[in-house]
């Protein structure tokens, strides 16, 4: 689902990826969450985002996407027992 939202932002004629913020699970970061600005996204691949510095972020780690500071997608973090 995160991939679809990011593709929509990337290809929508009235939106720009530069206005997006993507939060994802990053072990070792404060709270294990890191947020990146859309302008550092280089490509959207099949299973991951590729950043300008060649970092790969798997889609299953993405937990939140904001556009112009409005939440447009959030992953359900309900734990399965």
N, C-alpha and C. Protein backbone atom coordinates (compact mmCIF):
# COMPACT_ATOMS: atom_id res chain seq x y z
N UNK A 1 0.82 -1.21 0.00
CA UNK A 1 0.00 0.00 0.00
C UNK A 1 0.86 1.27 0.00
N UNK A 2 1.95 1.29 0.77
CA UNK A 2 2.82 2.47 0.81
C UNK A 2 3.38 2.77 -0.58
N UNK A 3 3.72 1.72 -1.31
CA UNK A 3 4.25 1.91 -2.66
C UNK A 3 3.23 2.62 -3.54
N UNK A 4 1.97 2.22 -3.45
CA UNK A 4 0.91 2.84 -4.26
C UNK A 4 0.75 4.32 -3.92
N UNK A 5 0.80 4.64 -2.65
CA UNK A 5 0.66 6.05 -2.23
C UNK A 5 1.83 6.88 -2.74
N UNK A 6 3.05 6.35 -2.61
CA UNK A 6 4.22 7.08 -3.09
C UNK A 6 4.21 7.23 -4.61
N UNK A 7 3.79 6.21 -5.33
CA UNK A 7 3.65 6.33 -6.79
C UNK A 7 2.62 7.38 -7.16
N UNK A 8 1.52 7.42 -6.41
CA UNK A 8 0.48 8.43 -6.68
C UNK A 8 1.06 9.84 -6.53
N UNK A 9 1.82 10.06 -5.45
CA UNK A 9 2.43 11.37 -5.23
C UNK A 9 3.42 11.68 -6.35
N UNK A 10 4.22 10.70 -6.71
CA UNK A 10 5.25 10.90 -7.73
C UNK A 10 4.67 11.26 -9.09
N UNK A 11 3.57 10.62 -9.46
CA UNK A 11 3.02 10.78 -10.81
C UNK A 11 1.81 11.70 -10.90
N UNK A 12 1.26 12.14 -9.78
CA UNK A 12 0.09 13.02 -9.80
C UNK A 12 0.51 14.39 -10.34
N UNK A 13 -0.24 14.93 -11.30
CA UNK A 13 0.18 16.21 -11.91
C UNK A 13 0.15 17.40 -10.95
N UNK A 14 -0.60 17.29 -9.85
CA UNK A 14 -0.68 18.42 -8.92
C UNK A 14 0.09 18.18 -7.62
N UNK A 15 0.90 17.12 -7.58
CA UNK A 15 1.66 16.82 -6.37
C UNK A 15 3.15 16.73 -6.72
N UNK A 16 3.98 16.93 -5.71
CA UNK A 16 5.43 16.82 -5.88
C UNK A 16 5.99 15.98 -4.75
N UNK A 17 6.85 15.04 -5.07
CA UNK A 17 7.45 14.15 -4.08
C UNK A 17 8.25 14.94 -3.04
N UNK A 18 8.73 16.13 -3.40
CA UNK A 18 9.49 16.96 -2.48
C UNK A 18 8.68 17.36 -1.25
N UNK A 19 7.35 17.35 -1.35
CA UNK A 19 6.48 17.75 -0.25
C UNK A 19 6.09 16.59 0.65
N UNK A 20 6.61 15.40 0.35
CA UNK A 20 6.27 14.21 1.14
C UNK A 20 7.29 13.98 2.25
N UNK A 21 6.83 13.33 3.32
CA UNK A 21 7.69 12.87 4.40
C UNK A 21 7.32 11.42 4.66
N UNK A 22 8.33 10.57 4.75
CA UNK A 22 8.12 9.14 4.93
C UNK A 22 8.78 8.72 6.25
N UNK A 23 7.99 8.12 7.13
CA UNK A 23 8.52 7.61 8.39
C UNK A 23 8.58 6.09 8.30
N UNK A 24 9.68 5.54 8.83
CA UNK A 24 9.86 4.09 8.75
C UNK A 24 10.62 3.57 9.95
N UNK A 25 10.52 2.28 10.18
CA UNK A 25 11.22 1.62 11.27
C UNK A 25 12.70 1.57 10.93
N UNK A 26 13.51 2.13 11.83
CA UNK A 26 14.96 2.16 11.64
C UNK A 26 15.60 1.85 12.99
N UNK A 27 15.98 0.61 13.17
CA UNK A 27 16.54 0.20 14.46
C UNK A 27 17.80 1.01 14.78
N UNK A 28 17.82 1.54 15.99
CA UNK A 28 18.95 2.35 16.43
C UNK A 28 18.65 3.84 16.42
N UNK A 29 17.66 4.25 15.63
CA UNK A 29 17.25 5.67 15.63
C UNK A 29 16.45 5.92 16.90
N UNK A 30 16.34 7.17 17.34
CA UNK A 30 15.51 7.46 18.52
C UNK A 30 14.09 6.95 18.33
N UNK A 31 13.65 6.10 19.24
CA UNK A 31 12.32 5.51 19.13
C UNK A 31 12.20 4.48 18.02
N UNK A 32 13.32 4.13 17.41
CA UNK A 32 13.37 3.18 16.29
C UNK A 32 12.58 3.65 15.06
N UNK A 33 12.36 4.95 14.96
CA UNK A 33 11.64 5.54 13.82
C UNK A 33 12.51 6.64 13.21
N UNK A 34 12.58 6.65 11.90
CA UNK A 34 13.30 7.70 11.18
C UNK A 34 12.35 8.28 10.14
N UNK A 35 12.45 9.58 9.90
CA UNK A 35 11.62 10.26 8.90
C UNK A 35 12.53 10.91 7.87
N UNK A 36 12.20 10.70 6.61
CA UNK A 36 12.98 11.30 5.52
C UNK A 36 12.10 12.24 4.72
N UNK A 37 12.72 13.21 4.08
CA UNK A 37 12.04 14.13 3.17
C UNK A 37 11.94 13.48 1.79
N UNK A 38 10.89 13.76 1.08
CA UNK A 38 10.67 13.17 -0.23
C UNK A 38 11.74 13.49 -1.26
N UNK A 39 12.42 14.62 -1.12
CA UNK A 39 13.40 15.00 -2.14
C UNK A 39 14.63 14.10 -2.14
N UNK A 40 14.82 13.26 -1.10
CA UNK A 40 15.97 12.36 -1.14
C UNK A 40 15.61 10.98 -1.71
N UNK A 41 14.35 10.81 -2.13
CA UNK A 41 13.94 9.57 -2.77
C UNK A 41 14.41 9.61 -4.23
N UNK A 42 15.20 8.62 -4.61
CA UNK A 42 15.71 8.54 -5.97
C UNK A 42 14.79 7.72 -6.86
N UNK A 43 14.38 6.54 -6.38
CA UNK A 43 13.52 5.66 -7.18
C UNK A 43 12.58 4.88 -6.28
N UNK A 44 11.47 4.47 -6.87
CA UNK A 44 10.56 3.55 -6.22
C UNK A 44 10.72 2.22 -6.96
N UNK A 45 11.28 1.24 -6.26
CA UNK A 45 11.52 -0.08 -6.85
C UNK A 45 10.40 -1.03 -6.43
N UNK A 46 10.52 -2.30 -6.84
CA UNK A 46 9.50 -3.28 -6.51
C UNK A 46 9.29 -3.46 -5.02
N UNK A 47 10.33 -3.70 -4.26
CA UNK A 47 10.17 -3.98 -2.85
C UNK A 47 10.69 -2.93 -1.91
N UNK A 48 11.20 -1.82 -2.45
CA UNK A 48 11.84 -0.83 -1.59
C UNK A 48 11.94 0.53 -2.26
N UNK A 49 12.20 1.54 -1.41
CA UNK A 49 12.56 2.88 -1.88
C UNK A 49 14.07 2.92 -2.00
N UNK A 50 14.58 3.55 -3.01
CA UNK A 50 16.01 3.77 -3.16
C UNK A 50 16.26 5.26 -2.97
N UNK A 51 17.10 5.58 -1.98
CA UNK A 51 17.40 6.98 -1.69
C UNK A 51 18.61 7.44 -2.48
N UNK A 52 18.82 8.75 -2.51
CA UNK A 52 19.95 9.35 -3.25
C UNK A 52 21.30 8.79 -2.83
N UNK A 53 21.43 8.39 -1.56
CA UNK A 53 22.71 7.84 -1.09
C UNK A 53 22.78 6.32 -1.23
N UNK A 54 21.86 5.76 -2.01
CA UNK A 54 21.76 4.33 -2.32
C UNK A 54 21.23 3.48 -1.17
N UNK A 55 20.74 4.12 -0.09
CA UNK A 55 20.07 3.40 0.98
C UNK A 55 18.78 2.80 0.43
N UNK A 56 18.48 1.58 0.84
CA UNK A 56 17.24 0.92 0.45
C UNK A 56 16.34 0.81 1.66
N UNK A 57 15.09 1.26 1.52
CA UNK A 57 14.11 1.15 2.59
C UNK A 57 13.01 0.21 2.12
N UNK A 58 12.92 -0.98 2.72
CA UNK A 58 11.85 -1.92 2.33
C UNK A 58 10.48 -1.33 2.65
N UNK A 59 9.52 -1.55 1.76
CA UNK A 59 8.18 -1.00 1.97
C UNK A 59 7.53 -1.50 3.25
N UNK A 60 7.84 -2.72 3.68
CA UNK A 60 7.21 -3.24 4.89
C UNK A 60 7.65 -2.50 6.15
N UNK A 61 8.72 -1.70 6.06
CA UNK A 61 9.17 -0.90 7.21
C UNK A 61 8.52 0.49 7.25
N UNK A 62 7.89 0.91 6.17
CA UNK A 62 7.26 2.23 6.15
C UNK A 62 6.00 2.20 7.01
N UNK A 63 5.89 3.17 7.90
CA UNK A 63 4.74 3.20 8.81
C UNK A 63 3.83 4.42 8.62
N UNK A 64 4.36 5.47 7.97
CA UNK A 64 3.56 6.70 7.83
C UNK A 64 4.05 7.51 6.64
N UNK A 65 3.09 8.10 5.91
CA UNK A 65 3.42 9.01 4.82
C UNK A 65 2.60 10.28 5.01
N UNK A 66 3.30 11.40 5.02
CA UNK A 66 2.62 12.71 5.10
C UNK A 66 2.89 13.47 3.81
N UNK A 67 1.93 14.32 3.46
CA UNK A 67 2.10 15.21 2.32
C UNK A 67 1.73 16.60 2.78
N UNK A 68 2.66 17.52 2.67
CA UNK A 68 2.48 18.89 3.17
C UNK A 68 1.98 18.86 4.61
N UNK A 69 2.63 18.02 5.42
CA UNK A 69 2.35 17.85 6.85
C UNK A 69 0.96 17.30 7.17
N UNK A 70 0.25 16.78 6.18
CA UNK A 70 -1.03 16.10 6.42
C UNK A 70 -0.81 14.60 6.28
N UNK A 71 -1.28 13.86 7.25
CA UNK A 71 -1.17 12.41 7.21
C UNK A 71 -2.05 11.87 6.09
N UNK A 72 -1.44 11.14 5.13
CA UNK A 72 -2.25 10.58 4.05
C UNK A 72 -2.26 9.05 4.06
N UNK A 73 -1.34 8.45 4.83
CA UNK A 73 -1.34 6.99 4.96
C UNK A 73 -0.61 6.60 6.23
N UNK A 74 -1.15 5.61 6.94
CA UNK A 74 -0.50 5.09 8.12
C UNK A 74 -0.74 3.60 8.19
N UNK A 75 0.32 2.86 8.46
CA UNK A 75 0.25 1.41 8.57
C UNK A 75 -0.37 1.04 9.90
N UNK A 76 -1.23 0.06 9.87
CA UNK A 76 -1.80 -0.45 11.11
C UNK A 76 -0.70 -1.17 11.88
N UNK A 77 -0.47 -0.75 13.10
CA UNK A 77 0.59 -1.34 13.91
C UNK A 77 0.03 -2.29 14.97
N UNK A 78 -1.16 -2.80 14.73
CA UNK A 78 -1.77 -3.73 15.68
C UNK A 78 -0.96 -5.01 15.72
N UNK A 79 -0.56 -5.40 16.91
CA UNK A 79 0.20 -6.63 17.06
C UNK A 79 -0.73 -7.83 16.98
N UNK A 80 -0.28 -8.83 16.27
CA UNK A 80 -1.05 -10.06 16.18
C UNK A 80 -0.60 -11.00 17.29
N UNK A 81 -1.55 -11.57 17.99
CA UNK A 81 -1.22 -12.50 19.08
C UNK A 81 -1.29 -13.92 18.61
